Amino acid sequence: MENKEEIYEIAILGRVTWNLHSLNNEGTVGNVTEPRTIVLADGTQTDGISGEMLKHMHAENMWKLEKNKSNFCEACKQLKPERADENKNVRGQDSPKNAVKEALNCELCDIHGFLVQRPTVARTSLIEFGWALGIPQIFRDIHTHARHSVQEQFLQIEEEKDIGNWENEKCSKKGCETKPEESKLYKVKNKWYCEEHLPIKTGQMIYHNPTRSGIYAIISVFQPWKIGLNNVSFNYEVNDIQRKSRYQLALKAYQAMFMRPEGAMTATRLPHIENFEGIIVVSKTNSPVPVISPLKDDYKDQIKKIKIAINVGENIDILEFNSVSQFIEKIKILLEKRPYKVEFKKE
């Protein structure tokens, strides 16, 4: 029998432990990649993973989990960030209302939002992420790596002089301070070089990449009541079956992203996932879910107190989890429910 209980909003609040990852970085200067650094309200500096990165992870998992890619527009089939703005059928509409109606045929545009330039209209994302913030501190390090060519080889050495017996020769490298008693001297192409500055034919490149390990505060909000909703006409443009399917797809993407996060540098820095614990806050009527940052040690207790204070008719549920597997199980409970539907008066 179908579970007819409706879900208005969902908040995921928790602490995730990721070891030796580099999921999000500030950028690269020269050959050094710098990790993100965030300053909190009290002036504390900590590590961070941007909401943009987390949202991208969720969107990509939605794309992966949808077997029928025809449920996406042409841009979203290729995971293009323009989404509806690159959809000719959307841009060809004569009004913002019709543009949104056309765009909502795409599951990813519906759930993750879009901005169309002409006709000018925007629809906000139903999935929201804050920064993932390190608590209370994150262990960070910069590691040195070298890319080597299989063709690496020394140039031909024409002559060499032993340590301490350079005679009147010296290293031709400008600024070299190597002393005769510290190195041999080699002659290559009629020039002398110490061991440190001996030229080689190589494809070698030295670079420096970061790794971080620690516990991160995670906050995210999902608004199922808006699935399929035209924010110009305030009509639902997709049927109830499609709305539930999109609701389930979004929840499954949450499961996937915390089972195995896919961000920057996962080819060589796939995170060692140690734990994920927290609460899922569920609103069953038209009332926003409360959000308290897991930066606070008592965030769970505060949410429970808010529930007691405002919970008229058991409108808010709290699902607590202490591991990744429990998080998957709690989301599975929500998969059996359906998205809330607002009843609008028709003229």
Protein backbone atom coordinates (compact mmCIF):
# COMPACT_ATOMS: atom_id res chain seq x y z
CA MET A 1 0.00 0.00 0.00
CA GLU A 2 1.30 3.45 -0.92
CA ASN A 3 2.40 5.68 1.95
CA LYS A 4 0.31 8.83 1.57
CA GLU A 5 2.22 10.87 4.14
CA GLU A 6 3.46 14.07 2.54
CA ILE A 7 6.84 15.75 3.02
CA TYR A 8 7.08 19.53 2.83
CA GLU A 9 10.77 20.10 3.57
CA ILE A 10 13.80 18.07 4.65
CA ALA A 11 16.96 19.30 6.39
CA ILE A 12 20.10 17.19 6.69
CA LEU A 13 22.36 18.32 9.54
CA GLY A 14 25.41 16.31 10.46
CA ARG A 15 29.10 15.79 10.98
CA VAL A 16 31.02 13.80 8.39
CA THR A 17 34.56 12.50 8.86
CA TRP A 18 36.65 12.53 5.68
CA ASN A 19 40.33 11.60 5.76
CA LEU A 20 43.09 12.48 3.29
CA HIS A 21 40.86 14.22 0.76
CA SER A 22 41.17 17.29 -1.45
CA LEU A 23 37.54 17.64 -2.53
CA ASN A 24 37.64 21.42 -3.03
CA ASN A 25 40.55 23.85 -3.46
CA GLU A 26 41.08 27.59 -3.70
CA GLY A 27 43.16 27.40 -6.85
CA THR A 28 46.67 26.82 -8.14
CA VAL A 29 49.50 29.33 -8.00
CA GLY A 30 52.47 28.14 -10.03
CA ASN A 31 52.80 24.48 -9.15
CA VAL A 32 51.13 24.70 -5.72
CA THR A 33 47.42 23.95 -5.19
CA GLU A 34 45.99 25.75 -2.15
CA PRO A 35 43.13 24.33 -0.02
CA ARG A 36 40.08 26.41 0.91
CA THR A 37 40.36 28.54 4.05
CA ILE A 38 37.21 29.92 5.71
CA VAL A 39 36.89 32.50 8.50
CA LEU A 40 34.04 31.99 10.98
CA ALA A 41 32.14 34.67 12.93
CA ASP A 42 34.48 34.40 15.94
CA GLY A 43 37.54 34.88 13.73
CA THR A 44 38.49 31.20 13.72
CA GLN A 45 40.06 30.00 10.47
CA THR A 46 39.12 26.54 9.28
CA ASP A 47 39.01 24.36 6.21
CA GLY A 48 35.98 24.41 3.94
CA ILE A 49 34.27 22.70 1.03
CA SER A 50 32.00 25.07 -0.85
CA GLY A 51 28.26 24.64 -1.21
CA GLU A 52 28.80 24.87 -4.97
CA MET A 53 30.96 21.74 -4.87
CA LEU A 54 28.49 19.83 -2.69
CA LYS A 55 25.58 20.88 -4.91
CA HIS A 56 27.51 19.79 -7.99
CA MET A 57 28.10 16.40 -6.37
CA HIS A 58 24.38 16.02 -5.74
CA ALA A 59 23.41 17.09 -9.27
CA GLU A 60 25.91 14.70 -10.83
CA ASN A 61 24.55 11.84 -8.76
CA MET A 62 21.02 12.65 -9.92
CA TRP A 63 22.30 12.44 -13.49
CA LYS A 64 24.03 9.10 -12.83
CA LEU A 65 21.04 7.52 -11.07
CA GLU A 66 18.50 8.43 -13.75
CA LYS A 67 18.42 5.53 -16.20
CA ASN A 68 16.26 7.36 -18.71
CA LYS A 69 18.34 10.35 -19.79
CA SER A 70 15.47 11.55 -21.99
CA ASN A 71 14.03 12.99 -18.76
CA PHE A 72 16.73 15.67 -19.05
CA CYS A 73 16.92 18.59 -21.48
CA GLU A 74 19.71 18.54 -24.08
CA ALA A 75 22.01 20.66 -21.90
CA CYS A 76 21.47 18.55 -18.78
CA LYS A 77 22.05 15.35 -20.74
CA GLN A 78 25.62 16.65 -21.04
CA LEU A 79 25.68 18.15 -17.51
CA LYS A 80 26.14 21.65 -18.93
CA PRO A 81 25.81 24.34 -16.23
CA GLU A 82 23.63 26.53 -18.49
CA ARG A 83 20.74 24.06 -18.12
CA ALA A 84 17.47 25.61 -19.36
CA ASP A 85 19.24 28.65 -20.80
CA GLU A 86 20.65 26.42 -23.54
CA ASN A 87 17.28 24.81 -24.28
CA LYS A 88 15.96 26.19 -27.58
CA ASN A 89 12.41 25.23 -26.64
CA VAL A 90 12.69 27.35 -23.49
CA ARG A 91 14.30 30.36 -25.17
CA GLY A 92 11.68 30.26 -27.88
CA GLN A 93 8.79 30.87 -25.49
CA ASP A 94 6.93 34.18 -25.55
CA SER A 95 6.63 34.67 -21.80
CA PRO A 96 8.42 33.80 -18.54
CA LYS A 97 5.48 31.62 -17.49
CA ASN A 98 5.71 29.47 -20.61
CA ALA A 99 9.50 29.38 -20.43
CA VAL A 100 9.35 27.92 -16.91
CA LYS A 101 6.64 25.47 -17.97
CA GLU A 102 8.85 24.17 -20.77
CA ALA A 103 11.96 24.04 -18.59
CA LEU A 104 10.18 21.93 -15.97
CA ASN A 105 10.06 19.03 -18.42
CA CYS A 106 13.68 18.45 -17.34
CA GLU A 107 14.20 16.72 -13.98
CA LEU A 108 17.55 18.37 -13.29
CA CYS A 109 16.32 21.88 -14.17
CA ASP A 110 13.34 21.30 -11.88
CA ILE A 111 15.35 20.13 -8.86
CA HIS A 112 18.53 22.22 -9.20
CA GLY A 113 17.11 25.43 -10.67
CA PHE A 114 18.03 27.58 -13.66
CA LEU A 115 18.39 31.10 -15.03
CA VAL A 116 17.12 31.96 -18.50
CA GLN A 117 18.26 35.18 -20.15
CA ARG A 118 15.46 35.51 -22.73
CA PRO A 119 12.71 35.61 -21.73
CA THR A 120 14.30 36.65 -18.45
CA VAL A 121 13.22 34.29 -15.69
CA ALA A 122 14.84 32.34 -12.89
CA ARG A 123 13.77 29.46 -10.70
CA THR A 124 15.69 28.78 -7.52
CA SER A 125 17.09 25.38 -6.67
CA LEU A 126 15.05 23.04 -4.48
CA ILE A 127 18.35 21.66 -3.13
CA GLU A 128 20.41 23.97 -0.90
CA PHE A 129 23.85 23.38 0.62
CA GLY A 130 25.93 25.45 2.98
CA TRP A 131 29.70 25.23 3.21
CA ALA A 132 31.06 22.06 4.77
CA LEU A 133 33.12 23.50 7.63
CA GLY A 134 35.95 21.89 9.56
CA ILE A 135 35.29 21.36 13.30
CA PRO A 136 37.08 22.08 15.54
CA GLN A 137 40.16 21.91 13.34
CA ILE A 138 41.26 20.14 10.20
CA PHE A 139 44.68 18.57 9.75
CA ARG A 140 46.19 19.89 6.54
CA ASP A 141 49.38 19.18 4.66
CA ILE A 142 50.94 19.98 1.30
CA HIS A 143 52.64 17.04 -0.41
CA THR A 144 55.32 17.18 -3.09
CA HIS A 145 54.88 15.00 -6.16
CA ALA A 146 56.75 14.56 -9.43
CA ARG A 147 55.48 13.52 -12.81
CA HIS A 148 58.11 11.46 -14.60
CA SER A 149 58.51 10.61 -18.25
CA VAL A 150 59.30 7.03 -19.26
CA GLN A 151 61.78 8.60 -21.69
CA GLU A 152 63.84 10.22 -18.93
CA GLN A 153 67.58 9.84 -19.53
CA PHE A 154 70.84 11.64 -18.76
CA LEU A 155 72.61 13.47 -21.50
CA GLN A 156 75.94 11.99 -22.58
CA ILE A 157 78.72 12.77 -20.08
CA GLU A 158 81.94 13.64 -21.89
CA GLU A 159 84.25 13.80 -18.86
CA GLU A 160 84.04 13.84 -15.05
CA LYS A 161 86.17 15.04 -12.15
CA ASP A 162 86.18 13.42 -8.71
CA ILE A 163 85.10 15.07 -5.46
CA GLY A 164 87.76 17.51 -4.27
CA ASN A 165 89.62 17.39 -7.57
CA TRP A 166 87.93 19.96 -9.78
CA GLU A 167 91.30 21.54 -10.67
CA ASN A 168 90.49 24.96 -12.11
CA GLU A 169 86.95 24.13 -13.29
CA LYS A 170 83.60 25.02 -11.66
CA CYS A 171 79.87 24.45 -12.22
CA SER A 172 78.58 26.56 -15.10
CA LYS A 173 75.14 26.97 -13.47
CA LYS A 174 74.75 30.63 -12.58
CA GLY A 175 74.66 31.15 -8.82
CA CYS A 176 75.82 27.62 -7.99
CA GLU A 177 77.43 27.48 -4.54
CA THR A 178 78.42 23.81 -4.58
CA LYS A 179 81.95 23.28 -3.32
CA PRO A 180 84.47 20.81 -4.86
CA GLU A 181 84.45 18.67 -1.69
CA GLU A 182 80.66 18.25 -1.94
CA SER A 183 80.19 16.85 -5.45
CA LYS A 184 81.68 15.38 -8.55
CA LEU A 185 81.91 17.58 -11.65
CA TYR A 186 80.59 16.46 -15.03
CA LYS A 187 81.26 17.78 -18.54
CA VAL A 188 78.19 17.89 -20.83
CA LYS A 189 78.26 19.64 -24.20
CA ASN A 190 81.57 21.32 -23.29
CA LYS A 191 80.19 22.73 -20.02
CA TRP A 192 80.86 21.60 -16.46
CA TYR A 193 78.06 20.83 -13.96
CA CYS A 194 77.92 19.65 -10.35
CA GLU A 195 75.62 16.75 -9.45
CA GLU A 196 72.81 19.08 -8.37
CA HIS A 197 72.70 20.97 -11.65
CA LEU A 198 73.49 18.17 -14.08
CA PRO A 199 70.96 18.56 -16.94
CA ILE A 200 68.76 15.65 -18.00
CA LYS A 201 66.27 14.99 -20.73
CA THR A 202 63.01 14.55 -18.89
CA GLY A 203 59.27 15.10 -18.84
CA GLN A 204 59.43 15.59 -15.09
CA MET A 205 57.19 18.16 -13.43
CA ILE A 206 57.28 18.94 -9.71
CA TYR A 207 53.94 19.92 -8.13
CA HIS A 208 52.49 20.33 -4.64
CA ASN A 209 48.97 19.16 -3.73
CA PRO A 210 47.09 19.39 -0.43
CA THR A 211 45.40 16.74 1.69
CA ARG A 212 43.05 17.35 4.60
CA SER A 213 41.59 15.14 7.29
CA GLY A 214 38.92 15.90 9.86
CA ILE A 215 35.28 16.30 10.79
CA TYR A 216 33.06 18.64 8.75
CA ALA A 217 29.74 20.26 9.61
CA ILE A 218 27.18 19.62 6.86
CA ILE A 219 23.88 21.47 6.29
CA SER A 220 21.46 20.94 3.41
CA VAL A 221 17.76 21.68 2.79
CA PHE A 222 15.47 19.99 0.24
CA GLN A 223 12.04 21.48 -0.60
CA PRO A 224 9.88 18.70 -2.12
CA TRP A 225 6.76 20.88 -2.14
CA LYS A 226 8.23 22.91 -5.01
CA ILE A 227 8.82 19.92 -7.31
CA GLY A 228 7.16 20.67 -10.66
CA LEU A 229 5.91 24.05 -9.45
CA ASN A 230 5.86 26.93 -11.91
CA ASN A 231 7.05 29.91 -9.85
CA VAL A 232 5.41 32.37 -12.26
CA SER A 233 1.91 30.90 -12.64
CA PHE A 234 1.97 28.90 -9.39
CA ASN A 235 0.67 25.79 -11.06
CA TYR A 236 2.18 22.31 -10.90
CA GLU A 237 3.35 21.50 -14.42
CA VAL A 238 4.05 17.78 -13.85
CA ASN A 239 1.76 15.07 -12.56
CA ASP A 240 1.91 13.43 -9.14
CA ILE A 241 3.68 10.31 -10.41
CA GLN A 242 6.46 12.42 -11.95
CA ARG A 243 6.72 14.53 -8.80
CA LYS A 244 7.24 11.46 -6.61
CA SER A 245 9.78 10.03 -9.06
CA ARG A 246 11.81 13.27 -8.92
CA TYR A 247 11.49 13.37 -5.13
CA GLN A 248 12.91 9.86 -4.90
CA LEU A 249 15.70 10.60 -7.36
CA ALA A 250 16.82 13.63 -5.30
CA LEU A 251 16.84 11.58 -2.08
CA LYS A 252 18.81 8.75 -3.70
CA ALA A 253 21.38 11.33 -4.86
CA TYR A 254 21.85 12.31 -1.21
CA GLN A 255 22.50 8.66 -0.37
CA ALA A 256 25.04 8.34 -3.18
CA MET A 257 27.03 11.49 -2.40
CA PHE A 258 27.66 10.47 1.20
CA MET A 259 28.36 6.84 0.32
CA ARG A 260 31.15 8.01 -2.00
CA PRO A 261 31.84 11.73 -2.45
CA GLU A 262 33.06 12.76 -5.90
CA GLY A 263 34.84 16.10 -5.93
CA ALA A 264 38.23 17.52 -6.86
CA MET A 265 41.28 15.23 -7.03
CA THR A 266 39.39 12.03 -6.22
CA ALA A 267 41.51 10.24 -8.84
CA THR A 268 44.40 10.32 -6.35
CA ARG A 269 42.75 11.58 -3.14
CA LEU A 270 39.56 9.58 -2.81
CA PRO A 271 38.39 10.35 0.73
CA HIS A 272 38.68 7.71 3.44
CA ILE A 273 35.10 7.90 4.74
CA GLU A 274 35.14 7.19 8.45
CA ASN A 275 31.74 8.29 9.72
CA PHE A 276 28.62 10.39 9.18
CA GLU A 277 26.36 11.19 12.12
CA GLY A 278 23.56 13.69 12.60
CA ILE A 279 19.83 14.22 12.16
CA ILE A 280 17.33 14.50 9.34
CA VAL A 281 14.62 17.05 10.15
CA VAL A 282 11.33 16.52 8.31
CA SER A 283 8.45 19.00 8.01
CA LYS A 284 5.13 17.40 7.06
CA THR A 285 3.07 20.58 6.73
CA ASN A 286 3.68 24.01 5.23
CA SER A 287 6.26 25.04 7.81
CA PRO A 288 9.99 25.52 7.17
CA VAL A 289 12.36 23.03 8.77
CA PRO A 290 14.63 24.50 11.48
CA VAL A 291 18.37 24.54 10.74
CA ILE A 292 21.05 24.74 13.46
CA SER A 293 24.69 24.38 12.43
CA PRO A 294 26.51 21.23 13.54
CA LEU A 295 29.37 23.58 14.38
CA LYS A 296 27.56 23.73 17.73
CA ASP A 297 28.02 20.66 19.90
CA ASP A 298 24.39 20.79 21.08
CA TYR A 299 22.80 21.27 17.65
CA LYS A 300 20.68 18.11 18.00
CA ASP A 301 19.30 19.17 21.37
CA GLN A 302 18.44 22.63 20.04
CA ILE A 303 16.54 21.14 17.10
CA LYS A 304 14.61 18.86 19.48
CA LYS A 305 13.69 21.85 21.67
CA ILE A 306 12.46 23.76 18.60
CA LYS A 307 10.36 20.74 17.62
CA ILE A 308 8.70 20.71 21.04
CA ALA A 309 8.13 24.47 20.97
CA ILE A 310 6.43 24.64 17.55
CA ASN A 311 5.21 21.10 16.96
CA VAL A 312 1.43 21.43 16.76
CA GLY A 313 -0.06 18.13 15.63
CA GLU A 314 3.27 16.32 15.27
CA ASN A 315 4.24 18.31 12.18
CA ILE A 316 8.01 17.83 12.52
CA ASP A 317 9.87 14.52 12.66
CA ILE A 318 13.51 13.98 13.61
CA LEU A 319 15.41 10.97 12.29
CA GLU A 320 18.74 10.47 14.03
CA PHE A 321 21.65 8.53 12.50
CA ASN A 322 25.12 7.56 13.75
CA SER A 323 26.77 6.08 10.65
CA VAL A 324 26.66 6.21 6.86
CA SER A 325 24.63 2.99 6.80
CA GLN A 326 22.06 4.44 9.22
CA PHE A 327 21.83 7.59 7.10
CA ILE A 328 21.02 5.41 4.07
CA GLU A 329 18.35 3.59 6.09
CA LYS A 330 16.71 6.84 7.28
CA ILE A 331 16.59 8.22 3.73
CA LYS A 332 15.05 4.93 2.63
CA ILE A 333 12.16 5.59 5.05
CA LEU A 334 11.54 8.95 3.38
CA LEU A 335 11.59 7.35 -0.08
CA GLU A 336 8.27 5.67 0.74
CA LYS A 337 6.54 9.01 1.29
CA ARG A 338 5.53 11.60 -1.29
CA PRO A 339 6.14 15.32 -1.87
CA TYR A 340 3.74 17.83 -0.30
CA LYS A 341 1.36 19.53 -2.72
CA VAL A 342 0.09 23.05 -2.13
CA GLU A 343 -3.50 23.65 -3.10
CA PHE A 344 -3.85 26.95 -4.98
CA LYS A 345 -7.23 28.60 -5.48
CA LYS A 346 -8.17 28.81 -9.11
CA GLU A 347 -9.72 31.96 -10.45
